[in-house]
C-alpha atoms as a PDB file:
ATOM      1  CA  MET A   1      -0.003  -0.226  -0.127  1.00  0.00           C
ATOM      2  CA  ARG A   2       0.899   3.849  -0.400  1.00  0.00           C
ATOM      3  CA  VAL A   3       0.662   5.396   2.776  1.00  0.00           C
ATOM      4  CA  ARG A   4       1.255   9.584   2.974  1.00  0.00           C
ATOM      5  CA  TYR A   5       2.039  11.686   5.610  1.00  0.00           C
ATOM      6  CA  TRP A   6       1.044  15.230   5.497  1.00  0.00           C
ATOM      7  CA  ARG A   7       1.301  18.918   7.304  1.00  0.00           C
ATOM      8  CA  LEU A   8       4.543  17.363   8.854  1.00  0.00           C
ATOM      9  CA  SER A   9       6.380  20.007  11.035  1.00  0.00           C
ATOM     10  CA  LEU A  10      10.337  20.320  11.443  1.00  0.00           C
ATOM     11  CA  ASN A  11       9.864  18.588  14.612  1.00  0.00           C
ATOM     12  CA  ASP A  12       7.922  15.786  13.346  1.00  0.00           C
ATOM     13  CA  LEU A  13      10.460  15.114  10.678  1.00  0.00           C
ATOM     14  CA  ARG A  14      13.589  15.294  12.834  1.00  0.00           C
ATOM     15  CA  GLU A  15      11.906  12.908  15.847  1.00  0.00           C
ATOM     16  CA  GLY A  16      10.552  10.521  13.328  1.00  0.00           C
ATOM     17  CA  THR A  17      12.211   7.689  11.975  1.00  0.00           C
ATOM     18  CA  TYR A  18      11.151   5.934   8.254  1.00  0.00           C
ATOM     19  CA  PRO A  19      12.382   3.528   5.715  1.00  0.00           C
ATOM     20  CA  ILE A  20      14.561   5.668   2.930  1.00  0.00           C
ATOM     21  CA  ASP A  21      14.027   3.133   0.544  1.00  0.00           C
ATOM     22  CA  ASN A  22      10.018   3.456   0.428  1.00  0.00           C
ATOM     23  CA  VAL A  23      10.113   7.333   0.015  1.00  0.00           C
ATOM     24  CA  ASN A  24       8.726   8.254  -3.365  1.00  0.00           C
ATOM     25  CA  HIS A  25       7.948  11.282  -3.084  1.00  0.00           C
ATOM     26  CA  TRP A  26       8.562  14.721  -0.931  1.00  0.00           C
ATOM     27  CA  GLU A  27       7.310  18.274  -0.604  1.00  0.00           C
ATOM     28  CA  ILE A  28       8.424  21.266   1.404  1.00  0.00           C
ATOM     29  CA  LYS A  29       5.674  24.138   0.863  1.00  0.00           C
ATOM     30  CA  CYS A  30       6.695  27.517   1.944  1.00  0.00           C
ATOM     31  CA  LEU A  31       3.756  29.862   2.666  1.00  0.00           C
ATOM     32  CA  GLN A  32       4.744  33.219   1.588  1.00  0.00           C
ATOM     33  CA  GLY A  33       1.079  34.734   2.072  1.00  0.00           C
ATOM     34  CA  ASP A  34      -2.716  33.951   1.503  1.00  0.00           C
ATOM     35  CA  HIS A  35      -2.117  33.322  -2.200  1.00  0.00           C
ATOM     36  CA  GLU A  36       1.643  32.863  -2.851  1.00  0.00           C
ATOM     37  CA  HIS A  37       3.628  30.039  -2.478  1.00  0.00           C
ATOM     38  CA  PHE A  38       6.379  27.912  -3.301  1.00  0.00           C
ATOM     39  CA  GLY A  39       7.256  24.073  -3.045  1.00  0.00           C
ATOM     40  CA  VAL A  40      10.221  22.234  -2.966  1.00  0.00           C
ATOM     41  CA  PHE A  41       9.817  18.530  -4.343  1.00  0.00           C
ATOM     42  CA  TRP A  42      11.212  15.195  -5.608  1.00  0.00           C
ATOM     43  CA  TYR A  43       9.667  12.001  -7.212  1.00  0.00           C
ATOM     44  CA  ARG A  44      11.841   8.636  -7.132  1.00  0.00           C
ATOM     45  CA  TYR A  45      10.688   8.492 -10.650  1.00  0.00           C
ATOM     46  CA  GLY A  46      11.118  11.317 -12.158  1.00  0.00           C
ATOM     47  CA  THR A  47       9.154  14.396 -12.800  1.00  0.00           C
ATOM     48  CA  PRO A  48       6.878  14.754 -15.889  1.00  0.00           C
ATOM     49  CA  PHE A  49       8.252  17.215 -17.964  1.00  0.00           C
ATOM     50  CA  ASP A  50       6.117  17.337 -21.286  1.00  0.00           C
ATOM     51  CA  LYS A  51       6.138  12.990 -21.811  1.00  0.00           C
ATOM     52  CA  GLU A  52       9.442  12.518 -20.364  1.00  0.00           C
ATOM     53  CA  PRO A  53      10.021  12.393 -16.933  1.00  0.00           C
ATOM     54  CA  VAL A  54      13.098  14.699 -15.511  1.00  0.00           C
ATOM     55  CA  ASN A  55      15.172  13.188 -12.535  1.00  0.00           C
ATOM     56  CA  GLY A  56      16.203  15.469  -9.724  1.00  0.00           C
ATOM     57  CA  ILE A  57      14.902  18.284  -7.347  1.00  0.00           C
ATOM     58  CA  CYS A  58      11.933  20.237  -9.036  1.00  0.00           C
ATOM     59  CA  PHE A  59       9.680  23.426  -7.427  1.00  0.00           C
ATOM     60  CA  TYR A  60       6.596  24.998  -8.395  1.00  0.00           C
ATOM     61  CA  TYR A  61       5.644  28.486  -7.608  1.00  0.00           C
ATOM     62  CA  ASN A  62       2.097  30.667  -6.942  1.00  0.00           C
ATOM     63  CA  GLU A  63       1.709  34.215  -7.550  1.00  0.00           C
ATOM     64  CA  ILE A  64       5.878  34.516  -6.726  1.00  0.00           C
ATOM     65  CA  PRO A  65       7.653  37.416  -8.575  1.00  0.00           C
ATOM     66  CA  VAL A  66       9.848  36.237 -11.249  1.00  0.00           C
ATOM     67  CA  GLU A  67      13.018  37.858  -9.107  1.00  0.00           C
ATOM     68  CA  LYS A  68      12.106  35.077  -6.403  1.00  0.00           C
ATOM     69  CA  VAL A  69      11.275  32.424  -8.929  1.00  0.00           C
ATOM     70  CA  LYS A  70      14.904  33.168 -10.422  1.00  0.00           C
ATOM     71  CA  ASP A  71      16.486  33.516  -6.829  1.00  0.00           C
ATOM     72  CA  ILE A  72      14.959  30.124  -5.339  1.00  0.00           C
ATOM     73  CA  ALA A  73      16.712  28.291  -8.646  1.00  0.00           C
ATOM     74  CA  ASN A  74      19.611  29.863  -8.444  1.00  0.00           C
ATOM     75  CA  PHE A  75      19.462  28.838  -4.747  1.00  0.00           C
ATOM     76  CA  LEU A  76      18.391  25.147  -5.349  1.00  0.00           C
ATOM     77  CA  ASN A  77      21.309  24.817  -8.155  1.00  0.00           C
ATOM     78  CA  SER A  78      23.792  25.823  -5.969  1.00  0.00           C
ATOM     79  CA  LYS A  79      23.397  23.435  -3.578  1.00  0.00           C
ATOM     80  CA  PHE A  80      21.821  20.249  -5.337  1.00  0.00           C
ATOM     81  CA  GLY A  81      23.360  21.084  -9.072  1.00  0.00           C
ATOM     82  CA  GLY A  82      21.349  20.328 -12.143  1.00  0.00           C
ATOM     83  CA  LYS A  83      20.266  21.875 -15.468  1.00  0.00           C
ATOM     84  CA  VAL A  84      17.682  24.595 -14.571  1.00  0.00           C
ATOM     85  CA  ALA A  85      14.267  24.332 -16.899  1.00  0.00           C
ATOM     86  CA  TYR A  86      11.178  25.724 -16.490  1.00  0.00           C
ATOM     87  CA  LYS A  87       7.533  24.670 -17.643  1.00  0.00           C
ATOM     88  CA  GLN A  88       4.835  27.021 -16.973  1.00  0.00           C
ATOM     89  CA  THR A  89       4.685  27.157 -13.244  1.00  0.00           C
ATOM     90  CA  ARG A  90       7.457  24.736 -12.445  1.00  0.00           C
ATOM     91  CA  GLY A  91      11.070  24.551 -12.346  1.00  0.00           C
ATOM     92  CA  PHE A  92      13.040  21.498 -12.665  1.00  0.00           C
ATOM     93  CA  LEU A  93      16.989  21.052 -11.571  1.00  0.00           C
ATOM     94  CA  GLN A  94      16.995  17.793 -14.255  1.00  0.00           C
ATOM     95  CA  GLY A  95      20.094  15.639 -12.681  1.00  0.00           C
ATOM     96  CA  SER A  96      20.580  17.285  -9.346  1.00  0.00           C
ATOM     97  CA  LYS A  97      21.274  15.909  -6.211  1.00  0.00           C
ATOM     98  CA  GLU A  98      18.442  13.577  -5.545  1.00  0.00           C
ATOM     99  CA  PHE A  99      17.574  12.421  -1.590  1.00  0.00           C
ATOM    100  CA  ALA A 100      15.043  10.852   0.737  1.00  0.00           C
ATOM    101  CA  ASP A 101      16.946  11.268   4.005  1.00  0.00           C
ATOM    102  CA  LYS A 102      15.452  13.180   6.897  1.00  0.00           C
ATOM    103  CA  GLN A 103      18.469  14.943   7.856  1.00  0.00           C
ATOM    104  CA  SER A 104      18.730  16.515   4.664  1.00  0.00           C
ATOM    105  CA  ILE A 105      14.865  17.080   3.835  1.00  0.00           C
ATOM    106  CA  ALA A 106      14.889  18.892   7.534  1.00  0.00           C
ATOM    107  CA  GLN A 107      17.852  21.099   6.817  1.00  0.00           C
ATOM    108  CA  LEU A 108      16.981  21.909   3.092  1.00  0.00           C
ATOM    109  CA  ALA A 109      13.119  22.787   4.547  1.00  0.00           C
ATOM    110  CA  GLU A 110      14.802  25.034   7.294  1.00  0.00           C
ATOM    111  CA  GLU A 111      17.241  26.820   5.351  1.00  0.00           C
ATOM    112  CA  LEU A 112      14.346  27.499   3.152  1.00  0.00           C
ATOM    113  CA  SER A 113      12.332  28.783   5.725  1.00  0.00           C
ATOM    114  CA  LEU A 114      14.702  30.868   7.037  1.00  0.00           C
ATOM    115  CA  LYS A 115      16.073  32.399   3.517  1.00  0.00           C
ATOM    116  CA  TYR A 116      12.703  33.133   2.569  1.00  0.00           C
ATOM    117  CA  ASN A 117      11.121  34.005   6.029  1.00  0.00           C
ATOM    118  CA  ALA A 118       8.263  31.470   4.942  1.00  0.00           C
ATOM    119  CA  PRO A 119       6.428  29.095   7.235  1.00  0.00           C
ATOM    120  CA  ILE A 120       6.701  25.569   6.025  1.00  0.00           C
ATOM    121  CA  GLU A 121       4.777  22.233   5.721  1.00  0.00           C
ATOM    122  CA  MET A 122       6.437  18.833   4.767  1.00  0.00           C
ATOM    123  CA  THR A 123       4.493  16.205   2.914  1.00  0.00           C
ATOM    124  CA  LEU A 124       6.104  12.485   2.850  1.00  0.00           C
ATOM    125  CA  GLU A 125       4.931   9.669   0.901  1.00  0.00           C
ATOM    126  CA  PHE A 126       5.475   6.219   0.912  1.00  0.00           C
ATOM    127  CA  GLU A 127       5.328   3.207  -1.441  1.00  0.00           C
ATOM    128  CA  ARG A 128       5.035  -0.445  -0.832  1.00  0.00           C
ATOM    129  CA  ILE A 129       4.434  -0.532   3.091  1.00  0.00           C
ATOM    130  CA  ASP A 130       2.177  -2.964   4.718  1.00  0.00           C
ATOM    131  CA  LYS A 131      -0.140  -2.023   7.677  1.00  0.00           C
ATOM    132  CA  ASP A 132       2.168  -3.763  10.508  1.00  0.00           C
ATOM    133  CA  GLN A 133       5.478  -2.033   8.589  1.00  0.00           C
ATOM    134  CA  GLN A 134       3.743   1.481   8.931  1.00  0.00           C
ATOM    135  CA  GLU A 135       2.825   0.608  13.005  1.00  0.00           C
ATOM    136  CA  LYS A 136       6.337  -0.645  13.874  1.00  0.00           C
ATOM    137  CA  ILE A 137       8.988   1.293  11.309  1.00  0.00           C
ATOM    138  CA  ILE A 138       7.620   4.370  10.391  1.00  0.00           C
ATOM    139  CA  THR A 139       7.173   6.775  14.015  1.00  0.00           C
ATOM    140  CA  LEU A 140       5.834  10.310  12.030  1.00  0.00           C
ATOM    141  CA  PRO A 141       2.304  11.208  13.794  1.00  0.00           C
ATOM    142  CA  ALA A 142      -0.197   8.468  12.693  1.00  0.00           C
ATOM    143  CA  SER A 143      -2.638  11.400  13.017  1.00  0.00           C
ATOM    144  CA  LYS A 144      -0.867  13.239   9.879  1.00  0.00           C
ATOM    145  CA  ALA A 145      -0.873   9.530   8.110  1.00  0.00           C
ATOM    146  CA  LEU A 146      -3.257   9.576   4.914  1.00  0.00           C
ATOM    147  CA  PRO A 147      -3.320   5.853   3.173  1.00  0.00           C
ATOM    148  CA  ILE A 148      -3.665   6.058  -0.625  1.00  0.00           C
ATOM    149  CA  VAL A 149      -6.028   3.747  -2.408  1.00  0.00           C
ATOM    150  CA  GLY A 150      -4.869   1.993  -5.331  1.00  0.00           C
ATOM    151  CA  PRO A 151      -2.294   0.162  -6.634  1.00  0.00           C
ATOM    152  CA  ASP A 152       0.784   0.658  -4.962  1.00  0.00           C
END
């Protein structure tokens, strides 16, 4: 089965444990105002760009000034490398460093929060997890778990 943990805080992530090999997606959402926000995310199997998946860190933005979008891209590129490409309201760092461990995600979330003066929320999604593993191995807050129906 798949399960998503959403609206995680830095403390939730830092104090929790989970199997890194089962993470298939993470996201850090940075709130900038009522409608303004951006997020940094990663998908294990790549993020669609036209019809082909792009592997690496990506970001999206909503009602964020162009200068800030470029700053976010430069910041992520300086940390993780990759070739920057844009498609509508998404940025892709093709070939950038990829990670799913809690230390790296928490560090990036904290840096984004401080750099852009933004409250953050995080999401982690796992695949190939049965109910027993979820209860024994994943120690993220159970109240923030959302099972995902459908094939794994």
